[in-house]
Structure formats: C-alpha cells, structure tokens
C-alpha atoms as a PDB file:
ATOM      1  CA  MET A   1     -33.282  28.577  48.243  1.00  0.00           C
ATOM      2  CA  GLY A   2     -33.566  27.471  45.431  1.00  0.00           C
ATOM      3  CA  GLY A   3     -36.949  27.386  44.548  1.00  0.00           C
ATOM      4  CA  ARG A   4     -38.692  26.580  40.295  1.00  0.00           C
ATOM      5  CA  ASN A   5     -35.952  28.258  38.587  1.00  0.00           C
ATOM      6  CA  HIS A   6     -32.976  27.118  40.217  1.00  0.00           C
ATOM      7  CA  PRO A   7     -30.319  25.832  37.286  1.00  0.00           C
ATOM      8  CA  LEU A   8     -30.660  22.036  39.056  1.00  0.00           C
ATOM      9  CA  HIS A   9     -34.486  21.640  38.326  1.00  0.00           C
ATOM     10  CA  ALA A  10     -34.531  22.516  34.860  1.00  0.00           C
ATOM     11  CA  PRO A  11     -35.964  20.613  32.788  1.00  0.00           C
ATOM     12  CA  ASN A  12     -33.183  18.716  30.576  1.00  0.00           C
ATOM     13  CA  PRO A  13     -32.461  20.252  27.056  1.00  0.00           C
ATOM     14  CA  ALA A  14     -31.006  17.695  25.134  1.00  0.00           C
ATOM     15  CA  PRO A  15     -34.620  15.599  23.417  1.00  0.00           C
ATOM     16  CA  ARG A  16     -35.029  18.960  22.633  1.00  0.00           C
ATOM     17  CA  THR A  17     -31.829  20.749  21.053  1.00  0.00           C
ATOM     18  CA  PHE A  18     -31.722  17.295  19.071  1.00  0.00           C
ATOM     19  CA  ALA A  19     -35.539  17.854  17.575  1.00  0.00           C
ATOM     20  CA  THR A  20     -35.118  21.407  16.915  1.00  0.00           C
ATOM     21  CA  ILE A  21     -31.531  21.636  15.705  1.00  0.00           C
ATOM     22  CA  ILE A  22     -29.692  18.589  15.636  1.00  0.00           C
ATOM     23  CA  LEU A  23     -32.843  16.311  13.410  1.00  0.00           C
ATOM     24  CA  PRO A  24     -33.044  18.758  10.732  1.00  0.00           C
ATOM     25  CA  SER A  25     -29.890  19.631   9.888  1.00  0.00           C
ATOM     26  CA  ILE A  26     -29.017  15.360   9.303  1.00  0.00           C
ATOM     27  CA  LEU A  27     -32.432  14.078   8.177  1.00  0.00           C
ATOM     28  CA  PRO A  28     -31.852  14.847   4.738  1.00  0.00           C
ATOM     29  CA  GLY A  29     -28.587  12.898   4.752  1.00  0.00           C
ATOM     30  CA  VAL A  30     -30.659  10.319   6.780  1.00  0.00           C
ATOM     31  CA  ILE A  31     -33.188  10.026   3.872  1.00  0.00           C
ATOM     32  CA  SER A  32     -30.282   9.799   1.330  1.00  0.00           C
ATOM     33  CA  ALA A  33     -28.988   7.641   2.938  1.00  0.00           C
ATOM     34  CA  ALA A  34     -31.956   5.302   3.520  1.00  0.00           C
ATOM     35  CA  LEU A  35     -32.970   5.640  -0.124  1.00  0.00           C
ATOM     36  CA  LEU A  36     -29.427   4.851  -1.646  1.00  0.00           C
ATOM     37  CA  THR A  37     -29.184   1.960   0.671  1.00  0.00           C
ATOM     38  CA  PHE A  38     -33.135   0.237  -0.162  1.00  0.00           C
ATOM     39  CA  SER A  39     -32.525   1.792  -3.482  1.00  0.00           C
ATOM     40  CA  THR A  40     -28.664  -0.726  -4.114  1.00  0.00           C
ATOM     41  CA  ALA A  41     -30.432  -4.207  -2.124  1.00  0.00           C
ATOM     42  CA  MET A  42     -33.249  -3.654  -4.437  1.00  0.00           C
ATOM     43  CA  GLY A  43     -31.745  -2.914  -7.659  1.00  0.00           C
ATOM     44  CA  GLU A  44     -29.223  -6.061  -7.255  1.00  0.00           C
ATOM     45  CA  PHE A  45     -31.595  -8.990  -6.856  1.00  0.00           C
ATOM     46  CA  THR A  46     -35.036  -7.374  -8.169  1.00  0.00           C
ATOM     47  CA  LEU A  47     -33.295  -5.969 -11.661  1.00  0.00           C
ATOM     48  CA  ALA A  48     -31.226  -9.509 -11.671  1.00  0.00           C
ATOM     49  CA  ASN A  49     -34.433 -10.822 -11.177  1.00  0.00           C
ATOM     50  CA  LEU A  50     -36.258  -9.109 -14.329  1.00  0.00           C
ATOM     51  CA  PHE A  51     -33.726  -9.739 -16.930  1.00  0.00           C
ATOM     52  CA  ASN A  52     -33.386 -12.876 -15.800  1.00  0.00           C
ATOM     53  CA  ILE A  53     -29.693 -11.559 -15.241  1.00  0.00           C
ATOM     54  CA  ALA A  54     -27.721 -13.040 -12.615  1.00  0.00           C
ATOM     55  CA  SER A  55     -26.509 -10.188 -10.269  1.00  0.00           C
ATOM     56  CA  PHE A  56     -22.362 -10.343  -9.297  1.00  0.00           C
ATOM     57  CA  PRO A  57     -22.415 -12.393  -6.432  1.00  0.00           C
ATOM     58  CA  ILE A  58     -24.734 -14.394  -7.641  1.00  0.00           C
ATOM     59  CA  TYR A  59     -22.213 -15.277 -11.375  1.00  0.00           C
ATOM     60  CA  LEU A  60     -19.311 -15.086  -9.135  1.00  0.00           C
ATOM     61  CA  ASN A  61     -20.321 -17.822  -6.432  1.00  0.00           C
ATOM     62  CA  VAL A  62     -21.371 -20.440  -9.737  1.00  0.00           C
ATOM     63  CA  THR A  63     -18.216 -19.708 -11.734  1.00  0.00           C
ATOM     64  CA  GLY A  64     -16.676 -20.320  -8.707  1.00  0.00           C
ATOM     65  CA  GLN A  65     -18.356 -23.355  -8.723  1.00  0.00           C
ATOM     66  CA  SER A  66     -16.952 -24.558 -12.088  1.00  0.00           C
ATOM     67  CA  ASP A  67     -13.910 -21.746 -12.781  1.00  0.00           C
ATOM     68  CA  PRO A  68     -12.158 -20.726  -9.809  1.00  0.00           C
ATOM     69  CA  HIS A  69      -9.448 -19.230 -11.068  1.00  0.00           C
ATOM     70  CA  LYS A  70     -12.156 -17.429 -13.169  1.00  0.00           C
ATOM     71  CA  ALA A  71     -13.054 -16.375 -10.064  1.00  0.00           C
ATOM     72  CA  ALA A  72     -10.702 -15.562  -8.106  1.00  0.00           C
ATOM     73  CA  SER A  73      -9.657 -13.224 -10.617  1.00  0.00           C
ATOM     74  CA  LEU A  74     -13.130 -11.233 -11.172  1.00  0.00           C
ATOM     75  CA  THR A  75     -12.878 -10.919  -7.091  1.00  0.00           C
ATOM     76  CA  ILE A  76      -9.195  -9.276  -7.377  1.00  0.00           C
ATOM     77  CA  LEU A  77     -10.591  -7.351 -10.585  1.00  0.00           C
ATOM     78  CA  SER A  78     -13.644  -6.038  -8.434  1.00  0.00           C
ATOM     79  CA  PHE A  79     -11.344  -5.425  -6.122  1.00  0.00           C
ATOM     80  CA  PHE A  80      -9.180  -3.695  -7.477  1.00  0.00           C
ATOM     81  CA  LEU A  81     -11.531  -1.364  -9.399  1.00  0.00           C
ATOM     82  CA  THR A  82     -13.251  -0.175  -5.694  1.00  0.00           C
ATOM     83  CA  LEU A  83     -10.179   0.906  -4.235  1.00  0.00           C
ATOM     84  CA  PHE A  84      -9.399   2.901  -7.753  1.00  0.00           C
ATOM     85  CA  CYS A  85     -12.904   4.308  -7.072  1.00  0.00           C
ATOM     86  CA  VAL A  86     -12.676   5.074  -3.461  1.00  0.00           C
ATOM     87  CA  LEU A  87      -8.752   6.425  -4.055  1.00  0.00           C
ATOM     88  CA  ALA A  88     -10.516   8.733  -7.003  1.00  0.00           C
ATOM     89  CA  MET A  89     -12.607  10.219  -4.489  1.00  0.00           C
ATOM     90  CA  LEU A  90     -10.902  10.527  -1.139  1.00  0.00           C
ATOM     91  CA  LEU A  91      -8.589  12.562  -3.803  1.00  0.00           C
ATOM     92  CA  SER A  92     -11.435  14.099  -5.405  1.00  0.00           C
ATOM     93  CA  VAL A  93     -12.029  15.278  -2.405  1.00  0.00           C
ATOM     94  CA  ARG A  94      -8.504  16.357  -0.486  1.00  0.00           C
ATOM     95  CA  ARG A  95      -8.482  18.594  -4.031  1.00  0.00           C
ATOM     96  CA  GLY A  96     -11.764  19.866  -3.211  1.00  0.00           C
ATOM     97  CA  PRO A  97     -14.227  21.483  -6.028  1.00  0.00           C
ATOM     98  CA  LEU A  98     -13.482  22.269  -9.146  1.00  0.00           C
ATOM     99  CA  ASP A  99     -13.352  26.247  -9.599  1.00  0.00           C
ATOM    100  CA  LEU A 100     -13.678  26.558 -12.772  1.00  0.00           C
ATOM    101  CA  ARG A 101     -12.597  30.510 -12.394  1.00  0.00           C
ATOM    102  CA  SER A 102      -8.917  31.178 -13.540  1.00  0.00           C
ATOM    103  CA  HIS A 103      -6.408  32.140 -10.650  1.00  0.00           C
ATOM    104  CA  HIS A 104      -5.542  34.793 -12.590  1.00  0.00           C
ATOM    105  CA  SER A 105      -6.797  38.015 -12.039  1.00  0.00           C
ATOM    106  CA  ASP A 106      -6.613  41.360 -14.041  1.00  0.00           C
ATOM    107  CA  VAL A 107      -8.393  43.601 -11.934  1.00  0.00           C
END
C-alpha cells in the first residue's frame, strides 16, 4: 500500500516551482526596484555633496530652524506636488495606454 510513488511521499514542489517559474518572472522587477532604490538613496546625498549643495531634507531642516513659516510652506508645497503626481499616475493607469489609432475605422 502506498510505496514511493504515493502522493504523500512526493517531494515538495514549492521550492522548484518558485525557482523555475516565479523567480524568473519577478526578477526584472526586483532588479529594477533595487536599482531605483539605490540610485535614489545615493543620488540624494552623493550629488548634493558632490556639487556642494544642500539636499531638500537638509535644506528644509536648516530653513525650519531660521524661518519656520517658510519651511512649513515648502513642506505643504512638496506634499501637494507629490499628491498631484500620484493622482496623475493613477489616472493614467486607469485610463490605460494611449491608443494613437483612430477609434473610427473606415474598413
């Protein structure tokens, strides 16, 4: 009864499935996310330090110590700019890709 070919004795297919199907599918996205995160984190500090300018968080902190109203207005402006960008992206995703072909066909 049973033996080695019984389904309860079969090896777990989950690691093999993950390695052969799921990982190759998500690998480009994982690499892109890692590169974007790395470039954003390094670009924020490295470029600001290279050109001897203050990055936005540092500028906001320094401005907040000398002029809190200016720092508050910059924070609100930054928030609304980010909100506008996120809403624009959501609308473009919901709308779908631009179709440059005419909706009316002469055929």
